[in-house]
Amino acid sequence: MRTTRKPSAAIIGRRVGAAVFWLMAVFVIGASTRSVVSALYGKPEPASASASASDELRCAQGLRELSRVLHDQAAAELRLPRDRSRMAHWLAAWDRRYVALEQPCASLSSTRRDLFKLREHIEALLHQHEREGLPLTESIERALDRVSPTADGSAHTPKET
């Protein structure tokens, strides 16, 4: 015959302790995994409840226009003669427009940050072109002008400032 034995308090305590341990272990592992994944891939930024669709649309249009202006002005700088003040002027104007988009662009803040990184990168490229590429361009133009002036008969050498 089997007798039913009630578990003693020590056995119950061990079982509860083991269950608490495993629950804590699962919690710590889950929280750590979430933290690591967030750090590696970034947290998704929820759309702000206060940001309306019109603000978001205005922001997207503003960022698109800033991107277009940045690329157009950078392309123009490559073709124009050296002028640091001209470049500083349009970059300062671009920066003012960028700052003005801070409030309505809460939902597109990562895109806004990426656009500013692009601006910094383009500025560095333009400075590098001014140091290295522009002297080569001027040398090529001078050599070509000695052999063959431009169609209107004038020399095409960019002026240095």
Protein backbone atom coordinates (compact mmCIF):
# COMPACT_ATOMS: atom_id res chain seq x y z
CA MET A 1 0.00 0.00 0.00
CA ARG A 2 1.13 3.40 -0.83
CA THR A 3 0.90 6.16 1.61
CA THR A 4 0.50 9.69 0.42
CA ARG A 5 3.06 11.87 1.88
CA LYS A 6 2.71 15.59 2.11
CA PRO A 7 5.79 17.42 0.95
CA SER A 8 7.68 19.00 3.73
CA ALA A 9 8.26 22.73 4.00
CA ALA A 10 11.89 22.29 2.90
CA ILE A 11 10.88 20.65 -0.38
CA ILE A 12 8.25 23.32 -1.07
CA GLY A 13 10.80 26.04 -0.31
CA ARG A 14 13.30 24.52 -2.73
CA ARG A 15 10.69 24.29 -5.49
CA VAL A 16 9.58 27.89 -4.99
CA GLY A 17 13.20 29.04 -4.90
CA ALA A 18 14.00 27.17 -8.11
CA ALA A 19 10.92 28.62 -9.83
CA VAL A 20 11.83 32.17 -8.72
CA PHE A 21 15.42 31.65 -9.91
CA TRP A 22 14.33 30.50 -13.38
CA LEU A 23 11.79 33.32 -13.70
CA MET A 24 14.48 35.86 -12.80
CA ALA A 25 16.95 34.23 -15.21
CA VAL A 26 14.45 34.39 -18.07
CA PHE A 27 13.67 38.04 -17.24
CA VAL A 28 17.35 39.06 -17.12
CA ILE A 29 18.15 37.23 -20.36
CA GLY A 30 15.15 38.80 -22.11
CA ALA A 31 15.96 42.31 -20.90
CA SER A 32 19.62 41.93 -21.86
CA THR A 33 18.74 40.66 -25.32
CA ARG A 34 16.36 43.56 -25.89
CA SER A 35 18.98 46.04 -24.72
CA VAL A 36 21.68 44.62 -27.00
CA VAL A 37 19.37 44.50 -30.03
CA SER A 38 18.26 48.09 -29.37
CA ALA A 39 21.86 49.24 -29.10
CA LEU A 40 22.86 47.48 -32.32
CA TYR A 41 19.90 48.34 -34.51
CA GLY A 42 18.48 51.43 -32.87
CA LYS A 43 15.14 51.96 -31.30
CA PRO A 44 12.22 52.57 -33.63
CA GLU A 45 11.00 56.07 -33.01
CA PRO A 46 7.25 56.09 -32.55
CA ALA A 47 5.34 58.78 -34.36
CA SER A 48 4.60 61.57 -31.96
CA ALA A 49 0.95 61.81 -31.05
CA SER A 50 1.12 65.59 -31.24
CA ALA A 51 2.65 65.64 -34.72
CA SER A 52 -0.07 66.00 -37.28
CA ALA A 53 0.07 64.61 -40.78
CA SER A 54 0.43 68.11 -42.22
CA ASP A 55 3.49 68.81 -40.05
CA GLU A 56 5.05 65.55 -41.13
CA LEU A 57 4.32 66.31 -44.79
CA ARG A 58 5.74 69.82 -44.44
CA CYS A 59 8.83 68.38 -42.79
CA ALA A 60 9.33 65.79 -45.53
CA GLN A 61 8.99 68.46 -48.20
CA GLY A 62 11.42 70.72 -46.35
CA LEU A 63 13.99 67.95 -45.95
CA ARG A 64 13.64 67.00 -49.62
CA GLU A 65 14.16 70.65 -50.64
CA LEU A 66 17.22 70.95 -48.37
CA SER A 67 18.67 67.80 -49.93
CA ARG A 68 18.09 69.16 -53.44
CA VAL A 69 19.65 72.54 -52.57
CA LEU A 70 22.64 70.82 -50.96
CA HIS A 71 23.32 68.70 -54.05
CA ASP A 72 22.70 71.55 -56.52
CA GLN A 73 24.95 73.99 -54.67
CA ALA A 74 27.70 71.38 -54.27
CA ALA A 75 27.58 70.62 -57.99
CA ALA A 76 27.75 74.35 -58.77
CA GLU A 77 30.76 74.77 -56.47
CA LEU A 78 32.66 72.20 -58.52
CA ARG A 79 32.13 74.24 -61.70
CA LEU A 80 32.66 77.74 -60.31
CA PRO A 81 35.93 79.52 -59.57
CA ARG A 82 37.27 79.34 -56.03
CA ASP A 83 35.35 81.50 -53.57
CA ARG A 84 35.34 80.46 -49.93
CA SER A 85 32.94 83.25 -48.92
CA ARG A 86 30.34 82.09 -51.46
CA MET A 87 30.49 78.54 -50.12
CA ALA A 88 30.37 79.73 -46.51
CA HIS A 89 27.37 81.93 -47.35
CA TRP A 90 25.22 79.20 -48.92
CA LEU A 91 26.20 76.68 -46.22
CA ALA A 92 25.17 79.18 -43.52
CA ALA A 93 21.84 79.78 -45.29
CA TRP A 94 21.36 76.00 -45.56
CA ASP A 95 22.12 75.59 -41.84
CA ARG A 96 19.50 78.24 -40.93
CA ARG A 97 16.86 76.42 -42.97
CA TYR A 98 17.90 73.12 -41.38
CA VAL A 99 17.53 74.51 -37.84
CA ALA A 100 14.09 75.91 -38.72
CA LEU A 101 12.89 72.37 -39.45
CA GLU A 102 13.73 71.06 -35.97
CA GLN A 103 10.25 71.35 -34.39
CA PRO A 104 8.00 70.00 -37.17
CA CYS A 105 10.38 67.11 -37.87
CA ALA A 106 10.11 65.15 -34.65
CA SER A 107 8.85 62.04 -36.44
CA LEU A 108 11.62 62.24 -39.07
CA SER A 109 14.47 63.07 -36.68
CA SER A 110 16.72 60.21 -37.84
CA THR A 111 16.26 61.28 -41.48
CA ARG A 112 17.04 64.85 -40.46
CA ARG A 113 20.24 63.72 -38.70
CA ASP A 114 21.27 61.71 -41.78
CA LEU A 115 20.78 64.79 -43.96
CA PHE A 116 23.07 66.81 -41.69
CA LYS A 117 25.71 64.06 -41.84
CA LEU A 118 25.47 64.27 -45.63
CA ARG A 119 25.92 68.05 -45.44
CA GLU A 120 29.08 67.64 -43.38
CA HIS A 121 30.39 65.02 -45.78
CA ILE A 122 29.72 67.21 -48.83
CA GLU A 123 31.42 70.18 -47.16
CA ALA A 124 34.50 68.04 -46.50
CA LEU A 125 34.48 66.86 -50.12
CA LEU A 126 34.29 70.44 -51.39
CA HIS A 127 37.24 71.45 -49.21
CA GLN A 128 39.19 68.45 -50.49
CA HIS A 129 38.29 69.39 -54.07
CA GLU A 130 39.45 72.94 -53.44
CA ARG A 131 42.80 71.67 -52.12
CA GLU A 132 43.42 68.88 -54.61
CA GLY A 133 41.00 68.89 -57.54
CA LEU A 134 40.70 72.58 -58.35
CA PRO A 135 44.44 73.14 -58.93
CA LEU A 136 44.37 70.19 -61.34
CA THR A 137 41.32 71.60 -63.12
CA GLU A 138 42.98 75.00 -63.45
CA SER A 139 46.16 73.42 -64.78
CA ILE A 140 44.19 71.44 -67.37
CA GLU A 141 42.25 74.53 -68.45
CA ARG A 142 45.42 76.61 -68.83
CA ALA A 143 47.06 73.91 -70.93
CA LEU A 144 43.98 73.55 -73.13
CA ASP A 145 43.59 77.34 -73.50
CA ARG A 146 47.15 77.59 -74.82
CA VAL A 147 46.29 75.15 -77.59
CA SER A 148 42.65 75.96 -78.22
CA PRO A 149 40.70 78.87 -76.71
CA THR A 150 37.00 78.40 -75.99
CA ALA A 151 34.40 78.91 -78.74
CA ASP A 152 33.97 82.62 -77.99
CA GLY A 153 37.72 83.16 -78.27
CA SER A 154 38.23 83.86 -74.57
CA ALA A 155 40.29 81.86 -72.16
CA HIS A 156 38.31 79.67 -69.81
CA THR A 157 40.71 79.60 -66.86
CA PRO A 158 38.84 79.95 -63.54
CA LYS A 159 40.01 82.88 -61.44
CA GLU A 160 41.61 82.29 -58.08
CA THR A 161 40.59 84.39 -55.10
